[in-house]
Amino acid sequence: MYNYDFKKNNESIMKEAVNVNIKINNSYYQTNFILTEKNLLVFYDINKKNPVWGTGTHSLPELYILFSVPINNLKYEIEENNLYIIIDNQKVNCYSFDLETFLKH
């Protein structure tokens, strides 16, 4: 499902949030947030919005990493009820997502 080598990085999925809408550089994504022991991983489905050939055919999700942030370096701010994750001086707008609750074990 997720195109990420959890074993190689000695990580496991602790929590998952699906269908989180974000905006990066004027591009919108519907993402899945994964919390591991080390990182906050953000994945998107590369098959989303691709045309499906044939009737009754559904493409399987192919979830690739959009970005990853080490938990100990995670910087964010909340403005007007929107969460902004700050990565390399760039703000990633995460609409209607409660990161503080998500980060609690």
PDB file of N, CA and C in Angstrom:
ATOM      1  N   MET A   1       0.828  -1.188   0.000  1.00  0.00           N
ATOM      2  CA  MET A   1       0.000   0.000   0.000  1.00  0.00           C
ATOM      3  C   MET A   1       0.876   1.257   0.000  1.00  0.00           C
ATOM      4  N   TYR A   2       1.729   1.406   1.021  1.00  0.00           N
ATOM      5  CA  TYR A   2       2.612   2.577   1.087  1.00  0.00           C
ATOM      6  C   TYR A   2       3.955   2.239   0.458  1.00  0.00           C
ATOM      7  N   ASN A   3       4.401   3.077  -0.451  1.00  0.00           N
ATOM      8  CA  ASN A   3       5.679   2.879  -1.105  1.00  0.00           C
ATOM      9  C   ASN A   3       6.775   3.489  -0.226  1.00  0.00           C
ATOM     10  N   TYR A   4       7.113   2.768   0.830  1.00  0.00           N
ATOM     11  CA  TYR A   4       8.101   3.234   1.810  1.00  0.00           C
ATOM     12  C   TYR A   4       8.612   2.005   2.537  1.00  0.00           C
ATOM     13  N   ASP A   5       9.901   1.934   2.737  1.00  0.00           N
ATOM     14  CA  ASP A   5      10.498   0.767   3.384  1.00  0.00           C
ATOM     15  C   ASP A   5      10.584   0.991   4.898  1.00  0.00           C
ATOM     16  N   PHE A   6       9.521   0.626   5.588  1.00  0.00           N
ATOM     17  CA  PHE A   6       9.471   0.810   7.039  1.00  0.00           C
ATOM     18  C   PHE A   6      10.532  -0.037   7.740  1.00  0.00           C
ATOM     19  N   LYS A   7      10.749  -1.260   7.264  1.00  0.00           N
ATOM     20  CA  LYS A   7      11.735  -2.148   7.904  1.00  0.00           C
ATOM     21  C   LYS A   7      13.155  -1.607   7.758  1.00  0.00           C
ATOM     22  N   LYS A   8      13.475  -1.122   6.576  1.00  0.00           N
ATOM     23  CA  LYS A   8      14.814  -0.584   6.320  1.00  0.00           C
ATOM     24  C   LYS A   8      15.104   0.600   7.247  1.00  0.00           C
ATOM     25  N   ASN A   9      14.096   1.419   7.491  1.00  0.00           N
ATOM     26  CA  ASN A   9      14.254   2.602   8.335  1.00  0.00           C
ATOM     27  C   ASN A   9      13.963   2.319   9.804  1.00  0.00           C
ATOM     28  N   ASN A  10      13.716   1.032  10.115  1.00  0.00           N
ATOM     29  CA  ASN A  10      13.438   0.609  11.486  1.00  0.00           C
ATOM     30  C   ASN A  10      12.277   1.408  12.091  1.00  0.00           C
ATOM     31  N   GLU A  11      11.172   1.465  11.336  1.00  0.00           N
ATOM     32  CA  GLU A  11       9.986   2.209  11.756  1.00  0.00           C
ATOM     33  C   GLU A  11       8.754   1.318  11.613  1.00  0.00           C
ATOM     34  N   SER A  12       7.722   1.700  12.311  1.00  0.00           N
ATOM     35  CA  SER A  12       6.430   1.052  12.146  1.00  0.00           C
ATOM     36  C   SER A  12       5.342   2.121  12.242  1.00  0.00           C
ATOM     37  N   ILE A  13       4.184   1.797  11.704  1.00  0.00           N
ATOM     38  CA  ILE A  13       3.066   2.736  11.719  1.00  0.00           C
ATOM     39  C   ILE A  13       2.449   2.753  13.108  1.00  0.00           C
ATOM     40  N   MET A  14       2.452   3.924  13.722  1.00  0.00           N
ATOM     41  CA  MET A  14       1.834   4.090  15.039  1.00  0.00           C
ATOM     42  C   MET A  14       0.422   4.652  14.898  1.00  0.00           C
ATOM     43  N   LYS A  15       0.235   5.586  13.958  1.00  0.00           N
ATOM     44  CA  LYS A  15      -1.064   6.209  13.700  1.00  0.00           C
ATOM     45  C   LYS A  15      -1.169   6.548  12.232  1.00  0.00           C
ATOM     46  N   GLU A  16      -2.417   6.619  11.790  1.00  0.00           N
ATOM     47  CA  GLU A  16      -2.681   6.962  10.395  1.00  0.00           C
ATOM     48  C   GLU A  16      -3.899   7.879  10.330  1.00  0.00           C
ATOM     49  N   ALA A  17      -3.807   8.912   9.513  1.00  0.00           N
ATOM     50  CA  ALA A  17      -4.939   9.790   9.223  1.00  0.00           C
ATOM     51  C   ALA A  17      -5.081   9.822   7.702  1.00  0.00           C
ATOM     52  N   VAL A  18      -6.285   9.541   7.220  1.00  0.00           N
ATOM     53  CA  VAL A  18      -6.504   9.481   5.773  1.00  0.00           C
ATOM     54  C   VAL A  18      -7.317  10.681   5.299  1.00  0.00           C
ATOM     55  N   ASN A  19      -7.171  10.980   4.042  1.00  0.00           N
ATOM     56  CA  ASN A  19      -7.912  12.058   3.373  1.00  0.00           C
ATOM     57  C   ASN A  19      -7.678  13.429   4.004  1.00  0.00           C
ATOM     58  N   VAL A  20      -6.433  13.731   4.291  1.00  0.00           N
ATOM     59  CA  VAL A  20      -6.066  15.047   4.813  1.00  0.00           C
ATOM     60  C   VAL A  20      -5.745  15.941   3.617  1.00  0.00           C
ATOM     61  N   ASN A  21      -6.473  17.028   3.501  1.00  0.00           N
ATOM     62  CA  ASN A  21      -6.265  17.961   2.396  1.00  0.00           C
ATOM     63  C   ASN A  21      -5.150  18.936   2.738  1.00  0.00           C
ATOM     64  N   ILE A  22      -4.194  19.050   1.806  1.00  0.00           N
ATOM     65  CA  ILE A  22      -3.079  19.979   2.013  1.00  0.00           C
ATOM     66  C   ILE A  22      -2.840  20.782   0.735  1.00  0.00           C
ATOM     67  N   LYS A  23      -2.090  21.860   0.909  1.00  0.00           N
ATOM     68  CA  LYS A  23      -1.710  22.707  -0.224  1.00  0.00           C
ATOM     69  C   LYS A  23      -0.218  23.007  -0.108  1.00  0.00           C
ATOM     70  N   ILE A  24       0.510  22.721  -1.184  1.00  0.00           N
ATOM     71  CA  ILE A  24       1.947  23.009  -1.273  1.00  0.00           C
ATOM     72  C   ILE A  24       2.186  23.729  -2.587  1.00  0.00           C
ATOM     73  N   ASN A  25       2.791  24.898  -2.522  1.00  0.00           N
ATOM     74  CA  ASN A  25       3.128  25.643  -3.749  1.00  0.00           C
ATOM     75  C   ASN A  25       1.963  25.720  -4.734  1.00  0.00           C
ATOM     76  N   ASN A  26       0.802  26.116  -4.267  1.00  0.00           N
ATOM     77  CA  ASN A  26      -0.394  26.268  -5.096  1.00  0.00           C
ATOM     78  C   ASN A  26      -0.900  24.971  -5.721  1.00  0.00           C
ATOM     79  N   SER A  27      -0.437  23.821  -5.201  1.00  0.00           N
ATOM     80  CA  SER A  27      -0.945  22.517  -5.629  1.00  0.00           C
ATOM     81  C   SER A  27      -1.662  21.874  -4.457  1.00  0.00           C
ATOM     82  N   TYR A  28      -2.810  21.281  -4.742  1.00  0.00           N
ATOM     83  CA  TYR A  28      -3.622  20.643  -3.708  1.00  0.00           C
ATOM     84  C   TYR A  28      -3.469  19.129  -3.783  1.00  0.00           C
ATOM     85  N   TYR A  29      -3.433  18.501  -2.622  1.00  0.00           N
ATOM     86  CA  TYR A  29      -3.306  17.052  -2.527  1.00  0.00           C
ATOM     87  C   TYR A  29      -4.250  16.538  -1.452  1.00  0.00           C
ATOM     88  N   GLN A  30      -4.783  15.356  -1.679  1.00  0.00           N
ATOM     89  CA  GLN A  30      -5.489  14.633  -0.624  1.00  0.00           C
ATOM     90  C   GLN A  30      -4.509  13.555  -0.176  1.00  0.00           C
ATOM     91  N   THR A  31      -4.108  13.610   1.083  1.00  0.00           N
ATOM     92  CA  THR A  31      -2.984  12.819   1.560  1.00  0.00           C
ATOM     93  C   THR A  31      -3.366  11.917   2.725  1.00  0.00           C
ATOM     94  N   ASN A  32      -2.430  11.044   3.047  1.00  0.00           N
ATOM     95  CA  ASN A  32      -2.496  10.241   4.259  1.00  0.00           C
ATOM     96  C   ASN A  32      -1.299  10.621   5.118  1.00  0.00           C
ATOM     97  N   PHE A  33      -1.546  10.903   6.382  1.00  0.00           N
ATOM     98  CA  PHE A  33      -0.481  11.197   7.333  1.00  0.00           C
ATOM     99  C   PHE A  33      -0.198   9.920   8.123  1.00  0.00           C
ATOM    100  N   ILE A  34       1.069   9.574   8.207  1.00  0.00           N
ATOM    101  CA  ILE A  34       1.504   8.403   8.963  1.00  0.00           C
ATOM    102  C   ILE A  34       2.484   8.877  10.034  1.00  0.00           C
ATOM    103  N   LEU A  35       2.240   8.446  11.253  1.00  0.00           N
ATOM    104  CA  LEU A  35       3.148   8.743  12.351  1.00  0.00           C
ATOM    105  C   LEU A  35       3.914   7.472  12.693  1.00  0.00           C
ATOM    106  N   THR A  36       5.239   7.570  12.668  1.00  0.00           N
ATOM    107  CA  THR A  36       6.097   6.460  13.081  1.00  0.00           C
ATOM    108  C   THR A  36       6.860   6.901  14.328  1.00  0.00           C
ATOM    109  N   GLU A  37       7.712   6.033  14.801  1.00  0.00           N
ATOM    110  CA  GLU A  37       8.523   6.369  15.967  1.00  0.00           C
ATOM    111  C   GLU A  37       9.485   7.523  15.685  1.00  0.00           C
ATOM    112  N   LYS A  38       9.824   7.717  14.412  1.00  0.00           N
ATOM    113  CA  LYS A  38      10.846   8.704  14.049  1.00  0.00           C
ATOM    114  C   LYS A  38      10.321   9.882  13.229  1.00  0.00           C
ATOM    115  N   ASN A  39       9.311   9.644  12.407  1.00  0.00           N
ATOM    116  CA  ASN A  39       8.925  10.629  11.394  1.00  0.00           C
ATOM    117  C   ASN A  39       7.421  10.825  11.286  1.00  0.00           C
ATOM    118  N   LEU A  40       7.081  11.983  10.760  1.00  0.00           N
ATOM    119  CA  LEU A  40       5.745  12.225  10.235  1.00  0.00           C
ATOM    120  C   LEU A  40       5.890  12.081   8.724  1.00  0.00           C
ATOM    121  N   LEU A  41       5.192  11.106   8.166  1.00  0.00           N
ATOM    122  CA  LEU A  41       5.262  10.825   6.739  1.00  0.00           C
ATOM    123  C   LEU A  41       3.959  11.250   6.093  1.00  0.00           C
ATOM    124  N   VAL A  42       4.054  11.904   4.938  1.00  0.00           N
ATOM    125  CA  VAL A  42       2.870  12.341   4.219  1.00  0.00           C
ATOM    126  C   VAL A  42       2.909  11.707   2.834  1.00  0.00           C
ATOM    127  N   PHE A  43       1.860  10.928   2.544  1.00  0.00           N
ATOM    128  CA  PHE A  43       1.765  10.189   1.293  1.00  0.00           C
ATOM    129  C   PHE A  43       0.604  10.704   0.454  1.00  0.00           C
ATOM    130  N   TYR A  44       0.729  10.535  -0.854  1.00  0.00           N
ATOM    131  CA  TYR A  44      -0.379  10.830  -1.750  1.00  0.00           C
ATOM    132  C   TYR A  44      -0.515   9.697  -2.758  1.00  0.00           C
ATOM    133  N   ASP A  45      -1.716   9.518  -3.252  1.00  0.00           N
ATOM    134  CA  ASP A  45      -2.028   8.459  -4.200  1.00  0.00           C
ATOM    135  C   ASP A  45      -1.768   8.974  -5.611  1.00  0.00           C
ATOM    136  N   ILE A  46      -0.784   8.400  -6.282  1.00  0.00           N
ATOM    137  CA  ILE A  46      -0.447   8.879  -7.626  1.00  0.00           C
ATOM    138  C   ILE A  46      -1.515   8.496  -8.647  1.00  0.00           C
ATOM    139  N   ASN A  47      -2.415   7.568  -8.292  1.00  0.00           N
ATOM    140  CA  ASN A  47      -3.501   7.186  -9.196  1.00  0.00           C
ATOM    141  C   ASN A  47      -4.747   8.040  -9.018  1.00  0.00           C
ATOM    142  N   LYS A  48      -4.739   8.918  -8.029  1.00  0.00           N
ATOM    143  CA  LYS A  48      -5.912   9.751  -7.772  1.00  0.00           C
ATOM    144  C   LYS A  48      -6.168  10.646  -8.987  1.00  0.00           C
ATOM    145  N   LYS A  49      -7.395  10.699  -9.417  1.00  0.00           N
ATOM    146  CA  LYS A  49      -7.847  11.528 -10.544  1.00  0.00           C
ATOM    147  C   LYS A  49      -7.342  11.061 -11.899  1.00  0.00           C
ATOM    148  N   ASN A  50      -6.677   9.903 -11.961  1.00  0.00           N
ATOM    149  CA  ASN A  50      -6.293   9.358 -13.259  1.00  0.00           C
ATOM    150  C   ASN A  50      -7.508   8.700 -13.886  1.00  0.00           C
ATOM    151  N   PRO A  51      -7.670   8.843 -15.192  1.00  0.00           N
ATOM    152  CA  PRO A  51      -8.813   8.189 -15.823  1.00  0.00           C
ATOM    153  C   PRO A  51      -8.685   6.679 -15.731  1.00  0.00           C
ATOM    154  N   VAL A  52      -9.810   6.027 -15.548  1.00  0.00           N
ATOM    155  CA  VAL A  52      -9.844   4.572 -15.468  1.00  0.00           C
ATOM    156  C   VAL A  52     -10.395   4.052 -16.783  1.00  0.00           C
ATOM    157  N   TRP A  53      -9.674   3.109 -17.371  1.00  0.00           N
ATOM    158  CA  TRP A  53     -10.089   2.584 -18.674  1.00  0.00           C
ATOM    159  C   TRP A  53     -11.020   1.400 -18.462  1.00  0.00           C
ATOM    160  N   GLY A  54     -12.175   1.452 -19.050  1.00  0.00           N
ATOM    161  CA  GLY A  54     -13.153   0.376 -18.948  1.00  0.00           C
ATOM    162  C   GLY A  54     -14.168   0.656 -17.866  1.00  0.00           C
ATOM    163  N   THR A  55     -15.274   0.014 -17.959  1.00  0.00           N
ATOM    164  CA  THR A  55     -16.323   0.218 -16.962  1.00  0.00           C
ATOM    165  C   THR A  55     -16.129  -0.748 -15.807  1.00  0.00           C
ATOM    166  N   GLY A  56     -16.444  -0.284 -14.637  1.00  0.00           N
ATOM    167  CA  GLY A  56     -16.322  -1.122 -13.445  1.00  0.00           C
ATOM    168  C   GLY A  56     -14.889  -1.380 -13.019  1.00  0.00           C
ATOM    169  N   THR A  57     -13.959  -0.630 -13.569  1.00  0.00           N
ATOM    170  CA  THR A  57     -12.548  -0.808 -13.239  1.00  0.00           C
ATOM    171  C   THR A  57     -12.126   0.252 -12.238  1.00  0.00           C
ATOM    172  N   HIS A  58     -11.443  -0.177 -11.219  1.00  0.00           N
ATOM    173  CA  HIS A  58     -10.928   0.748 -10.209  1.00  0.00           C
ATOM    174  C   HIS A  58      -9.422   0.557 -10.094  1.00  0.00           C
ATOM    175  N   SER A  59      -8.691   1.653 -10.174  1.00  0.00           N
ATOM    176  CA  SER A  59      -7.249   1.540  -9.998  1.00  0.00           C
ATOM    177  C   SER A  59      -6.941   1.455  -8.508  1.00  0.00           C
ATOM    178  N   LEU A  60      -5.997   0.620  -8.162  1.00  0.00           N
ATOM    179  CA  LEU A  60      -5.595   0.470  -6.768  1.00  0.00           C
ATOM    180  C   LEU A  60      -4.752   1.668  -6.352  1.00  0.00           C
ATOM    181  N   PRO A  61      -4.855   2.079  -5.100  1.00  0.00           N
ATOM    182  CA  PRO A  61      -4.039   3.209  -4.653  1.00  0.00           C
ATOM    183  C   PRO A  61      -2.546   2.865  -4.686  1.00  0.00           C
ATOM    184  N   GLU A  62      -1.773   3.807  -5.153  1.00  0.00           N
ATOM    185  CA  GLU A  62      -0.316   3.715  -5.100  1.00  0.00           C
ATOM    186  C   GLU A  62       0.149   4.925  -4.309  1.00  0.00           C
ATOM    187  N   LEU A  63       0.441   4.713  -3.047  1.00  0.00           N
ATOM    188  CA  LEU A  63       0.750   5.809  -2.127  1.00  0.00           C
ATOM    189  C   LEU A  63       2.258   6.027  -2.050  1.00  0.00           C
ATOM    190  N   TYR A  64       2.677   7.178  -2.548  1.00  0.00           N
ATOM    191  CA  TYR A  64       4.084   7.557  -2.553  1.00  0.00           C
ATOM    192  C   TYR A  64       4.300   8.702  -1.585  1.00  0.00           C
ATOM    193  N   ILE A  65       5.493   8.777  -1.061  1.00  0.00           N
ATOM    194  CA  ILE A  65       5.797   9.801  -0.062  1.00  0.00           C
ATOM    195  C   ILE A  65       5.893  11.165  -0.738  1.00  0.00           C
ATOM    196  N   LEU A  66       5.191  12.109  -0.175  1.00  0.00           N
ATOM    197  CA  LEU A  66       5.223  13.488  -0.649  1.00  0.00           C
ATOM    198  C   LEU A  66       6.300  14.246   0.111  1.00  0.00           C
ATOM    199  N   PHE A  67       6.306  14.073   1.438  1.00  0.00           N
ATOM    200  CA  PHE A  67       7.395  14.603   2.257  1.00  0.00           C
ATOM    201  C   PHE A  67       7.424  13.877   3.596  1.00  0.00           C
ATOM    202  N   SER A  68       8.557  13.998   4.241  1.00  0.00           N
ATOM    203  CA  SER A  68       8.782  13.371   5.538  1.00  0.00           C
ATOM    204  C   SER A  68       9.450  14.399   6.440  1.00  0.00           C
ATOM    205  N   VAL A  69       9.035  14.415   7.701  1.00  0.00           N
ATOM    206  CA  VAL A  69       9.626  15.342   8.671  1.00  0.00           C
ATOM    207  C   VAL A  69       9.978  14.552   9.922  1.00  0.00           C
ATOM    208  N   PRO A  70      11.233  14.604  10.362  1.00  0.00           N
ATOM    209  CA  PRO A  70      11.574  13.950  11.626  1.00  0.00           C
ATOM    210  C   PRO A  70      10.768  14.569  12.770  1.00  0.00           C
ATOM    211  N   ILE A  71      10.243  13.730  13.638  1.00  0.00           N
ATOM    212  CA  ILE A  71       9.404  14.207  14.736  1.00  0.00           C
ATOM    213  C   ILE A  71      10.141  15.242  15.592  1.00  0.00           C
ATOM    214  N   ASN A  72      11.423  15.016  15.839  1.00  0.00           N
ATOM    215  CA  ASN A  72      12.166  15.954  16.694  1.00  0.00           C
ATOM    216  C   ASN A  72      12.486  17.275  16.008  1.00  0.00           C
ATOM    217  N   ASN A  73      12.247  17.388  14.686  1.00  0.00           N
ATOM    218  CA  ASN A  73      12.462  18.644  13.953  1.00  0.00           C
ATOM    219  C   ASN A  73      11.162  19.220  13.393  1.00  0.00           C
ATOM    220  N   LEU A  74      10.043  18.700  13.843  1.00  0.00           N
ATOM    221  CA  LEU A  74       8.748  19.118  13.315  1.00  0.00           C
ATOM    222  C   LEU A  74       8.409  20.523  13.805  1.00  0.00           C
ATOM    223  N   LYS A  75       8.215  21.431  12.848  1.00  0.00           N
ATOM    224  CA  LYS A  75       7.836  22.809  13.161  1.00  0.00           C
ATOM    225  C   LYS A  75       6.495  23.088  12.504  1.00  0.00           C
ATOM    226  N   TYR A  76       5.602  23.685  13.273  1.00  0.00           N
ATOM    227  CA  TYR A  76       4.291  24.007  12.731  1.00  0.00           C
ATOM    228  C   TYR A  76       3.711  25.190  13.483  1.00  0.00           C
ATOM    229  N   GLU A  77       2.701  25.789  12.883  1.00  0.00           N
ATOM    230  CA  GLU A  77       1.963  26.883  13.526  1.00  0.00           C
ATOM    231  C   GLU A  77       0.505  26.778  13.106  1.00  0.00           C
ATOM    232  N   ILE A  78      -0.352  27.362  13.917  1.00  0.00           N
ATOM    233  CA  ILE A  78      -1.782  27.355  13.642  1.00  0.00           C
ATOM    234  C   ILE A  78      -2.235  28.795  13.451  1.00  0.00           C
ATOM    235  N   GLU A  79      -2.829  29.064  12.292  1.00  0.00           N
ATOM    236  CA  GLU A  79      -3.342  30.389  11.961  1.00  0.00           C
ATOM    237  C   GLU A  79      -4.758  30.229  11.431  1.00  0.00           C
ATOM    238  N   GLU A  80      -5.686  30.954  12.015  1.00  0.00           N
ATOM    239  CA  GLU A  80      -7.082  30.944  11.561  1.00  0.00           C
ATOM    240  C   GLU A  80      -7.613  29.514  11.379  1.00  0.00           C
ATOM    241  N   ASN A  81      -7.380  28.680  12.378  1.00  0.00           N
ATOM    242  CA  ASN A  81      -7.840  27.285  12.402  1.00  0.00           C
ATOM    243  C   ASN A  81      -7.220  26.395  11.328  1.00  0.00           C
ATOM    244  N   ASN A  82      -6.163  26.846  10.671  1.00  0.00           N
ATOM    245  CA  ASN A  82      -5.437  26.012   9.718  1.00  0.00           C
ATOM    246  C   ASN A  82      -4.056  25.710  10.268  1.00  0.00           C
ATOM    247  N   LEU A  83      -3.649  24.482  10.076  1.00  0.00           N
ATOM    248  CA  LEU A  83      -2.328  24.039  10.481  1.00  0.00           C
ATOM    249  C   LEU A  83      -1.359  24.281   9.327  1.00  0.00           C
ATOM    250  N   TYR A  84      -0.212  24.827   9.644  1.00  0.00           N
ATOM    251  CA  TYR A  84       0.850  25.012   8.661  1.00  0.00           C
ATOM    252  C   TYR A  84       2.092  24.292   9.164  1.00  0.00           C
ATOM    253  N   ILE A  85       2.516  23.269   8.414  1.00  0.00           N
ATOM    254  CA  ILE A  85       3.775  22.606   8.710  1.00  0.00           C
ATOM    255  C   ILE A  85       4.849  23.371   7.957  1.00  0.00           C
ATOM    256  N   ILE A  86       5.923  23.695   8.655  1.00  0.00           N
ATOM    257  CA  ILE A  86       6.987  24.498   8.055  1.00  0.00           C
ATOM    258  C   ILE A  86       8.156  23.582   7.698  1.00  0.00           C
ATOM    259  N   ILE A  87       8.452  23.564   6.396  1.00  0.00           N
ATOM    260  CA  ILE A  87       9.538  22.735   5.882  1.00  0.00           C
ATOM    261  C   ILE A  87      10.439  23.628   5.040  1.00  0.00           C
ATOM    262  N   ASP A  88      11.671  23.774   5.444  1.00  0.00           N
ATOM    263  CA  ASP A  88      12.637  24.592   4.695  1.00  0.00           C
ATOM    264  C   ASP A  88      12.073  25.973   4.378  1.00  0.00           C
ATOM    265  N   ASN A  89      11.550  26.650   5.376  1.00  0.00           N
ATOM    266  CA  ASN A  89      10.971  27.988   5.259  1.00  0.00           C
ATOM    267  C   ASN A  89       9.760  28.052   4.326  1.00  0.00           C
ATOM    268  N   GLN A  90       9.165  26.935   4.036  1.00  0.00           N
ATOM    269  CA  GLN A  90       7.964  26.860   3.207  1.00  0.00           C
ATOM    270  C   GLN A  90       6.825  26.356   4.085  1.00  0.00           C
ATOM    271  N   LYS A  91       5.657  26.957   3.950  1.00  0.00           N
ATOM    272  CA  LYS A  91       4.493  26.551   4.721  1.00  0.00           C
ATOM    273  C   LYS A  91       3.621  25.602   3.906  1.00  0.00           C
ATOM    274  N   VAL A  92       3.302  24.464   4.523  1.00  0.00           N
ATOM    275  CA  VAL A  92       2.384  23.497   3.933  1.00  0.00           C
ATOM    276  C   VAL A  92       1.065  23.638   4.676  1.00  0.00           C
ATOM    277  N   ASN A  93       0.038  24.079   3.977  1.00  0.00           N
ATOM    278  CA  ASN A  93      -1.274  24.294   4.585  1.00  0.00           C
ATOM    279  C   ASN A  93      -1.999  22.958   4.694  1.00  0.00           C
ATOM    280  N   CYS A  94      -2.352  22.578   5.926  1.00  0.00           N
ATOM    281  CA  CYS A  94      -3.077  21.331   6.190  1.00  0.00           C
ATOM    282  C   CYS A  94      -4.453  21.717   6.706  1.00  0.00           C
ATOM    283  N   TYR A  95      -5.451  21.590   5.864  1.00  0.00           N
ATOM    284  CA  TYR A  95      -6.794  22.066   6.178  1.00  0.00           C
ATOM    285  C   TYR A  95      -7.476  21.164   7.206  1.00  0.00           C
ATOM    286  N   SER A  96      -8.010  21.783   8.246  1.00  0.00           N
ATOM    287  CA  SER A  96      -8.842  21.098   9.238  1.00  0.00           C
ATOM    288  C   SER A  96      -8.197  19.828   9.794  1.00  0.00           C
ATOM    289  N   PHE A  97      -6.934  19.918  10.154  1.00  0.00           N
ATOM    290  CA  PHE A  97      -6.228  18.768  10.724  1.00  0.00           C
ATOM    291  C   PHE A  97      -5.654  19.161  12.075  1.00  0.00           C
ATOM    292  N   ASP A  98      -5.910  18.351  13.093  1.00  0.00           N
ATOM    293  CA  ASP A  98      -5.433  18.606  14.447  1.00  0.00           C
ATOM    294  C   ASP A  98      -4.157  17.798  14.692  1.00  0.00           C
ATOM    295  N   LEU A  99      -3.027  18.384  14.367  1.00  0.00           N
ATOM    296  CA  LEU A  99      -1.743  17.700  14.493  1.00  0.00           C
ATOM    297  C   LEU A  99      -1.398  17.402  15.942  1.00  0.00           C
ATOM    298  N   GLU A 100      -1.703  18.305  16.846  1.00  0.00           N
ATOM    299  CA  GLU A 100      -1.361  18.103  18.252  1.00  0.00           C
ATOM    300  C   GLU A 100      -2.030  16.845  18.812  1.00  0.00           C
ATOM    301  N   THR A 101      -3.278  16.646  18.493  1.00  0.00           N
ATOM    302  CA  THR A 101      -3.971  15.413  18.918  1.00  0.00           C
ATOM    303  C   THR A 101      -3.389  14.198  18.224  1.00  0.00           C
ATOM    304  N   PHE A 102      -3.086  14.332  16.956  1.00  0.00           N
ATOM    305  CA  PHE A 102      -2.522  13.224  16.182  1.00  0.00           C
ATOM    306  C   PHE A 102      -1.177  12.778  16.745  1.00  0.00           C
ATOM    307  N   LEU A 103      -0.367  13.709  17.218  1.00  0.00           N
ATOM    308  CA  LEU A 103       0.965  13.382  17.727  1.00  0.00           C
ATOM    309  C   LEU A 103       0.947  12.708  19.093  1.00  0.00           C
ATOM    310  N   LYS A 104      -0.153  12.819  19.819  1.00  0.00           N
ATOM    311  CA  LYS A 104      -0.242  12.190  21.130  1.00  0.00           C
ATOM    312  C   LYS A 104      -0.370  10.689  20.944  1.00  0.00           C
ATOM    313  N   HIS A 105       0.363   9.960  21.771  1.00  0.00           N
ATOM    314  CA  HIS A 105       0.370   8.477  21.643  1.00  0.00           C
ATOM    315  C   HIS A 105      -0.835   7.901  22.279  1.00  0.00           C
TER     316      HIS A 105
END
